[in-house]
Every structure is written in structure tokens, then in C-alpha cells.
């Protein structure tokens, strides 16, 4: 059973929109899309360190979401919808 990350994607998109960083975020996400699995493993490796300093309740879901490039594409698509409305 594949987990749905729509709520997490929505939170990420909302935060990017709040910061008005749609264009830089799209450029960044497009550039890391081929390396999304490697990036997720980077976050797995640093999880003990990050959790000892910060408390992120969705941290594990975040890096699991990054394992699938389709989720990165969903974020980009959502950001482009809002960017086109401006």
C-alpha cells in the first residue's frame, strides 16, 4: 500500500507561497528531481542528528515522500498553478 502525501505536499506548497518563493522553488525542485532518491537518503542519514536538535513530526514522511519523483512533480505542478494565476 502506497502512502499518500497530499497533505504534506499541500503544506510545503502553502509555505513556499507564503514566502513568495514560487519561481526559485520550481527551479530548485526541477534541478533536484533526478536526484530525489539520493536526497531522501541524505535526510535518512542525518535524521538522528536533526531530531536531536529539532522536533519535526513529519520529518520521516518528508524524506519518504522524496523517494518518489512523482511527488516532486506534484509539488511543481501545484506551484505552477498558483504562479500562472498571478
N, C-alpha and C. Protein backbone atom coordinates (compact mmCIF):
# COMPACT_ATOMS: atom_id res chain seq x y z
N UNK A 1 0.85 -1.18 0.00
CA UNK A 1 0.00 0.00 0.00
C UNK A 1 0.89 1.25 0.00
N UNK A 2 0.67 2.10 -0.96
CA UNK A 2 1.46 3.31 -1.09
C UNK A 2 0.82 4.44 -0.30
N UNK A 3 1.63 5.12 0.47
CA UNK A 3 1.12 6.21 1.31
C UNK A 3 0.87 7.45 0.46
N UNK A 4 -0.18 8.16 0.78
CA UNK A 4 -0.50 9.42 0.10
C UNK A 4 0.15 10.56 0.85
N UNK A 5 0.71 11.48 0.10
CA UNK A 5 1.41 12.61 0.70
C UNK A 5 0.76 13.94 0.35
N UNK A 6 -0.51 13.91 -0.04
CA UNK A 6 -1.19 15.13 -0.47
C UNK A 6 -1.20 16.21 0.61
N UNK A 7 -1.42 15.81 1.86
CA UNK A 7 -1.43 16.80 2.94
C UNK A 7 -0.07 17.44 3.14
N UNK A 8 0.98 16.64 3.05
CA UNK A 8 2.34 17.15 3.20
C UNK A 8 2.72 18.05 2.02
N UNK A 9 2.34 17.64 0.83
CA UNK A 9 2.59 18.45 -0.36
C UNK A 9 1.87 19.78 -0.24
N UNK A 10 0.64 19.75 0.25
CA UNK A 10 -0.12 20.99 0.43
C UNK A 10 0.57 21.93 1.42
N UNK A 11 1.10 21.39 2.51
CA UNK A 11 1.80 22.21 3.50
C UNK A 11 3.06 22.84 2.90
N UNK A 12 3.79 22.05 2.13
CA UNK A 12 5.01 22.56 1.50
C UNK A 12 4.69 23.66 0.51
N UNK A 13 3.69 23.44 -0.32
CA UNK A 13 3.28 24.44 -1.32
C UNK A 13 2.80 25.71 -0.63
N UNK A 14 2.00 25.56 0.42
CA UNK A 14 1.49 26.73 1.13
C UNK A 14 2.63 27.54 1.73
N UNK A 15 3.61 26.87 2.30
CA UNK A 15 4.75 27.58 2.90
C UNK A 15 5.56 28.32 1.84
N UNK A 16 5.79 27.69 0.71
CA UNK A 16 6.51 28.33 -0.39
C UNK A 16 5.75 29.55 -0.89
N UNK A 17 4.43 29.42 -1.01
CA UNK A 17 3.61 30.55 -1.46
C UNK A 17 3.61 31.68 -0.44
N UNK A 18 3.56 31.33 0.85
CA UNK A 18 3.61 32.35 1.90
C UNK A 18 4.90 33.16 1.84
N UNK A 19 5.98 32.48 1.49
CA UNK A 19 7.28 33.15 1.40
C UNK A 19 7.51 33.81 0.03
N UNK A 20 6.54 33.62 -0.88
CA UNK A 20 6.61 34.17 -2.24
C UNK A 20 7.88 33.71 -2.96
N UNK A 21 8.16 32.43 -2.86
CA UNK A 21 9.34 31.84 -3.49
C UNK A 21 8.99 30.80 -4.54
N UNK A 22 7.88 31.02 -5.26
CA UNK A 22 7.42 30.03 -6.22
C UNK A 22 8.46 29.74 -7.30
N UNK A 23 8.97 30.79 -7.95
CA UNK A 23 9.90 30.60 -9.06
C UNK A 23 11.21 29.95 -8.60
N UNK A 24 11.87 30.46 -7.54
CA UNK A 24 13.09 29.77 -7.10
C UNK A 24 12.83 28.33 -6.67
N UNK A 25 11.68 28.08 -6.06
CA UNK A 25 11.36 26.72 -5.61
C UNK A 25 11.18 25.78 -6.80
N UNK A 26 10.49 26.27 -7.84
CA UNK A 26 10.30 25.45 -9.04
C UNK A 26 11.64 25.13 -9.69
N UNK A 27 12.50 26.14 -9.81
CA UNK A 27 13.83 25.91 -10.39
C UNK A 27 14.63 24.90 -9.57
N UNK A 28 14.59 25.06 -8.25
CA UNK A 28 15.31 24.15 -7.38
C UNK A 28 14.77 22.72 -7.49
N UNK A 29 13.45 22.58 -7.44
CA UNK A 29 12.84 21.25 -7.50
C UNK A 29 13.10 20.57 -8.84
N UNK A 30 13.04 21.34 -9.92
CA UNK A 30 13.34 20.77 -11.24
C UNK A 30 14.78 20.28 -11.31
N UNK A 31 15.67 21.02 -10.68
CA UNK A 31 17.09 20.64 -10.74
C UNK A 31 17.41 19.42 -9.87
N UNK A 32 16.67 19.22 -8.78
CA UNK A 32 16.97 18.07 -7.91
C UNK A 32 16.10 16.85 -8.21
N UNK A 33 15.13 17.00 -9.09
CA UNK A 33 14.23 15.88 -9.38
C UNK A 33 14.97 14.59 -9.74
N UNK A 34 16.01 14.64 -10.58
CA UNK A 34 16.72 13.39 -10.90
C UNK A 34 17.44 12.78 -9.69
N UNK A 35 17.71 13.58 -8.69
CA UNK A 35 18.45 13.10 -7.52
C UNK A 35 17.56 12.96 -6.28
N UNK A 36 16.26 12.88 -6.49
CA UNK A 36 15.34 12.88 -5.34
C UNK A 36 15.57 11.69 -4.41
N UNK A 37 15.86 10.53 -4.96
CA UNK A 37 16.09 9.37 -4.10
C UNK A 37 17.37 9.55 -3.28
N UNK A 38 18.41 10.05 -3.92
CA UNK A 38 19.67 10.30 -3.20
C UNK A 38 19.44 11.34 -2.09
N UNK A 39 18.68 12.37 -2.41
CA UNK A 39 18.37 13.39 -1.40
C UNK A 39 17.62 12.79 -0.23
N UNK A 40 16.68 11.90 -0.52
CA UNK A 40 15.92 11.28 0.57
C UNK A 40 16.85 10.47 1.47
N UNK A 41 17.84 9.80 0.88
CA UNK A 41 18.78 9.01 1.68
C UNK A 41 19.69 9.91 2.52
N UNK A 42 19.99 11.09 2.01
CA UNK A 42 20.74 12.09 2.77
C UNK A 42 19.97 12.45 4.04
N UNK A 43 18.65 12.68 3.89
CA UNK A 43 17.81 13.02 5.04
C UNK A 43 17.70 11.85 6.02
N UNK A 44 17.68 10.62 5.51
CA UNK A 44 17.64 9.44 6.38
C UNK A 44 18.92 9.39 7.22
N UNK A 45 20.05 9.61 6.57
CA UNK A 45 21.34 9.56 7.26
C UNK A 45 21.41 10.59 8.39
N UNK A 46 20.92 11.80 8.14
CA UNK A 46 21.02 12.86 9.13
C UNK A 46 19.85 12.92 10.11
N UNK A 47 18.90 12.01 10.00
CA UNK A 47 17.73 12.02 10.88
C UNK A 47 18.08 12.03 12.36
N UNK A 48 18.98 11.19 12.85
CA UNK A 48 19.29 11.22 14.29
C UNK A 48 19.84 12.58 14.75
N UNK A 49 20.66 13.19 13.92
CA UNK A 49 21.23 14.48 14.28
C UNK A 49 20.17 15.58 14.29
N UNK A 50 19.36 15.58 13.25
CA UNK A 50 18.34 16.62 13.12
C UNK A 50 17.28 16.47 14.21
N UNK A 51 16.85 15.25 14.48
CA UNK A 51 15.84 15.04 15.51
C UNK A 51 16.36 15.33 16.91
N UNK A 52 17.66 15.25 17.10
CA UNK A 52 18.20 15.59 18.42
C UNK A 52 18.21 17.09 18.66
N UNK A 53 18.20 17.86 17.58
CA UNK A 53 18.22 19.32 17.69
C UNK A 53 16.83 19.93 17.52
N UNK A 54 16.11 19.43 16.52
CA UNK A 54 14.78 19.96 16.20
C UNK A 54 13.75 18.85 16.36
N UNK A 55 12.50 19.26 16.50
CA UNK A 55 11.44 18.25 16.55
C UNK A 55 10.51 18.47 15.35
N UNK A 56 10.67 17.61 14.36
CA UNK A 56 9.83 17.65 13.17
C UNK A 56 8.97 16.40 13.17
N UNK A 57 7.68 16.58 13.34
CA UNK A 57 6.82 15.40 13.40
C UNK A 57 6.62 14.75 12.03
N UNK A 58 6.78 15.51 10.94
CA UNK A 58 6.61 14.97 9.59
C UNK A 58 7.94 14.69 8.90
N UNK A 59 9.02 14.70 9.62
CA UNK A 59 10.35 14.54 9.01
C UNK A 59 10.47 13.22 8.26
N UNK A 60 10.08 12.13 8.90
CA UNK A 60 10.19 10.82 8.26
C UNK A 60 9.29 10.73 7.03
N UNK A 61 8.10 11.26 7.11
CA UNK A 61 7.20 11.27 5.95
C UNK A 61 7.79 12.11 4.82
N UNK A 62 8.47 13.21 5.19
CA UNK A 62 9.07 14.09 4.20
C UNK A 62 10.12 13.35 3.38
N UNK A 63 11.05 12.68 4.05
CA UNK A 63 12.09 12.01 3.25
C UNK A 63 11.55 10.79 2.52
N UNK A 64 10.52 10.15 3.03
CA UNK A 64 9.91 9.05 2.29
C UNK A 64 9.19 9.58 1.04
N UNK A 65 8.61 10.77 1.17
CA UNK A 65 7.95 11.39 0.03
C UNK A 65 8.96 11.69 -1.07
N UNK A 66 10.17 12.11 -0.69
CA UNK A 66 11.20 12.45 -1.67
C UNK A 66 11.69 11.26 -2.48
N UNK A 67 11.49 10.06 -1.97
CA UNK A 67 11.96 8.87 -2.68
C UNK A 67 11.30 8.71 -4.05
N UNK A 68 10.10 9.24 -4.20
CA UNK A 68 9.36 9.11 -5.46
C UNK A 68 9.37 10.44 -6.20
N UNK A 69 9.91 10.46 -7.39
CA UNK A 69 9.98 11.69 -8.19
C UNK A 69 8.61 12.26 -8.51
N UNK A 70 7.61 11.40 -8.55
CA UNK A 70 6.25 11.87 -8.85
C UNK A 70 5.77 12.88 -7.81
N UNK A 71 6.19 12.71 -6.57
CA UNK A 71 5.79 13.66 -5.53
C UNK A 71 6.45 15.02 -5.74
N UNK A 72 7.69 15.02 -6.21
CA UNK A 72 8.35 16.28 -6.53
C UNK A 72 7.60 16.96 -7.67
N UNK A 73 7.20 16.17 -8.65
CA UNK A 73 6.45 16.71 -9.79
C UNK A 73 5.10 17.29 -9.34
N UNK A 74 4.46 16.65 -8.38
CA UNK A 74 3.19 17.16 -7.85
C UNK A 74 3.38 18.53 -7.20
N UNK A 75 4.46 18.69 -6.45
CA UNK A 75 4.75 19.99 -5.82
C UNK A 75 4.95 21.04 -6.90
N UNK A 76 5.73 20.70 -7.92
CA UNK A 76 5.99 21.65 -9.01
C UNK A 76 4.69 22.03 -9.71
N UNK A 77 3.84 21.06 -9.98
CA UNK A 77 2.56 21.32 -10.66
C UNK A 77 1.68 22.25 -9.82
N UNK A 78 1.63 22.01 -8.52
CA UNK A 78 0.82 22.87 -7.64
C UNK A 78 1.37 24.29 -7.62
N UNK A 79 2.68 24.43 -7.57
CA UNK A 79 3.28 25.77 -7.57
C UNK A 79 3.03 26.48 -8.89
N UNK A 80 3.08 25.75 -10.00
CA UNK A 80 2.85 26.36 -11.31
C UNK A 80 1.40 26.83 -11.46
N UNK A 81 0.47 26.11 -10.85
CA UNK A 81 -0.93 26.56 -10.89
C UNK A 81 -1.07 27.95 -10.27
N UNK A 82 -0.44 28.14 -9.12
CA UNK A 82 -0.53 29.43 -8.44
C UNK A 82 0.29 30.51 -9.14
N UNK A 83 1.43 30.12 -9.71
CA UNK A 83 2.28 31.07 -10.41
C UNK A 83 1.56 31.61 -11.64
N UNK A 84 0.83 30.75 -12.33
CA UNK A 84 0.11 31.15 -13.55
C UNK A 84 -1.08 32.05 -13.25
N UNK A 85 -1.60 31.98 -12.03
CA UNK A 85 -2.75 32.80 -11.65
C UNK A 85 -2.38 34.26 -11.42
N UNK A 86 -1.09 34.53 -11.23
CA UNK A 86 -0.66 35.90 -10.95
C UNK A 86 -0.63 36.74 -12.19
